[in-house]
């Protein structure tokens, strides 16, 4: 089983994937996990991945372009059974039924 994770904080996953059950699964090659830095898919020199919300308001919103480039570059090398899961505070809760 292979997982590709796209994030703006790639180093945060190091401790999770190098401990306990996940570490043993990786060592036995049961799972393979690759973490990709979203900033690698930007075009500007500052590697910007977010902007203020359109129309104003508090906070920042992730830009679509880097996310799309990252997902497309990963899907090119994957088979047609690849699933893309985008986490959102407003999305549907992922459950067993959605997994199949």
Protein backbone atom coordinates (compact mmCIF):
# COMPACT_ATOMS: atom_id res chain seq x y z
CA UNK A 1 0.00 0.00 0.00
CA UNK A 2 1.40 3.38 -0.95
CA UNK A 3 0.56 6.81 0.46
CA UNK A 4 1.61 10.18 -0.94
CA UNK A 5 1.02 13.09 1.43
CA UNK A 6 1.11 16.69 0.23
CA UNK A 7 1.68 19.25 2.99
CA UNK A 8 3.31 22.58 3.74
CA UNK A 9 4.89 21.02 6.85
CA UNK A 10 6.69 17.87 5.60
CA UNK A 11 9.04 17.53 8.59
CA UNK A 12 6.13 17.23 11.02
CA UNK A 13 5.46 13.69 9.77
CA UNK A 14 8.96 12.34 10.45
CA UNK A 15 8.32 11.41 14.07
CA UNK A 16 4.94 9.80 13.32
CA UNK A 17 6.27 7.58 10.53
CA UNK A 18 9.45 6.54 12.29
CA UNK A 19 7.88 5.21 15.48
CA UNK A 20 5.74 2.28 16.60
CA UNK A 21 3.45 0.33 14.28
CA UNK A 22 3.93 2.61 11.28
CA UNK A 23 7.71 2.24 11.51
CA UNK A 24 7.47 -1.55 11.59
CA UNK A 25 5.07 -1.58 8.65
CA UNK A 26 7.48 0.59 6.64
CA UNK A 27 10.46 -1.61 7.54
CA UNK A 28 8.56 -4.72 6.38
CA UNK A 29 7.52 -2.82 3.23
CA UNK A 30 3.84 -3.36 3.99
CA UNK A 31 3.27 0.35 3.41
CA UNK A 32 5.24 3.02 1.63
CA UNK A 33 4.80 6.66 2.60
CA UNK A 34 6.12 9.63 0.62
CA UNK A 35 5.71 13.15 1.95
CA UNK A 36 5.75 15.98 -0.62
CA UNK A 37 6.24 19.66 0.15
CA UNK A 38 3.45 21.72 -1.43
CA UNK A 39 5.88 24.63 -1.77
CA UNK A 40 7.83 22.61 -4.37
CA UNK A 41 4.89 23.06 -6.76
CA UNK A 42 4.82 26.87 -6.73
CA UNK A 43 6.26 29.22 -9.34
CA UNK A 44 7.23 32.33 -7.38
CA UNK A 45 10.56 32.82 -5.62
CA UNK A 46 8.90 32.97 -2.19
CA UNK A 47 7.13 29.62 -2.72
CA UNK A 48 3.77 31.11 -1.77
CA UNK A 49 0.95 28.61 -1.19
CA UNK A 50 -1.75 30.83 0.34
CA UNK A 51 -3.53 34.14 -0.23
CA UNK A 52 -6.10 36.23 1.62
CA UNK A 53 -9.68 35.11 0.90
CA UNK A 54 -11.34 36.59 -2.19
CA UNK A 55 -13.66 39.39 -1.11
CA UNK A 56 -11.79 39.97 2.15
CA UNK A 57 -12.10 38.43 5.55
CA UNK A 58 -9.85 37.01 8.21
CA UNK A 59 -7.24 34.33 7.67
CA UNK A 60 -5.62 32.82 4.62
CA UNK A 61 -6.78 30.30 2.00
CA UNK A 62 -4.60 27.75 0.22
CA UNK A 63 -4.10 28.52 -3.47
CA UNK A 64 -5.56 26.03 -5.96
CA UNK A 65 -2.65 26.09 -8.44
CA UNK A 66 0.03 24.43 -6.26
CA UNK A 67 -2.42 21.79 -5.02
CA UNK A 68 -3.54 20.96 -8.56
CA UNK A 69 0.06 20.75 -9.83
CA UNK A 70 1.05 18.48 -6.95
CA UNK A 71 -1.91 16.11 -7.39
CA UNK A 72 -1.52 15.98 -11.17
CA UNK A 73 2.20 15.24 -10.95
CA UNK A 74 1.55 12.37 -8.54
CA UNK A 75 -1.38 10.92 -10.48
CA UNK A 76 0.69 10.69 -13.67
CA UNK A 77 2.84 8.01 -12.10
CA UNK A 78 -0.01 6.13 -10.42
CA UNK A 79 -2.49 3.56 -11.73
CA UNK A 80 -6.15 4.30 -12.38
CA UNK A 81 -7.16 2.99 -8.94
CA UNK A 82 -5.54 5.97 -7.22
CA UNK A 83 -7.81 7.84 -4.83
CA UNK A 84 -7.28 11.47 -3.88
CA UNK A 85 -8.43 12.46 -0.41
CA UNK A 86 -8.49 16.15 0.41
CA UNK A 87 -8.91 17.00 4.06
CA UNK A 88 -11.18 19.90 4.87
CA UNK A 89 -12.72 21.27 8.01
CA UNK A 90 -15.97 21.54 6.06
CA UNK A 91 -15.90 18.27 4.12
CA UNK A 92 -17.69 14.97 4.66
CA UNK A 93 -16.33 12.68 7.33
CA UNK A 94 -14.33 9.84 5.76
CA UNK A 95 -15.79 6.48 6.73
CA UNK A 96 -15.62 2.80 5.75
CA UNK A 97 -18.38 3.13 3.15
CA UNK A 98 -16.48 5.89 1.32
CA UNK A 99 -13.32 3.74 1.34
CA UNK A 100 -14.95 1.24 -1.00
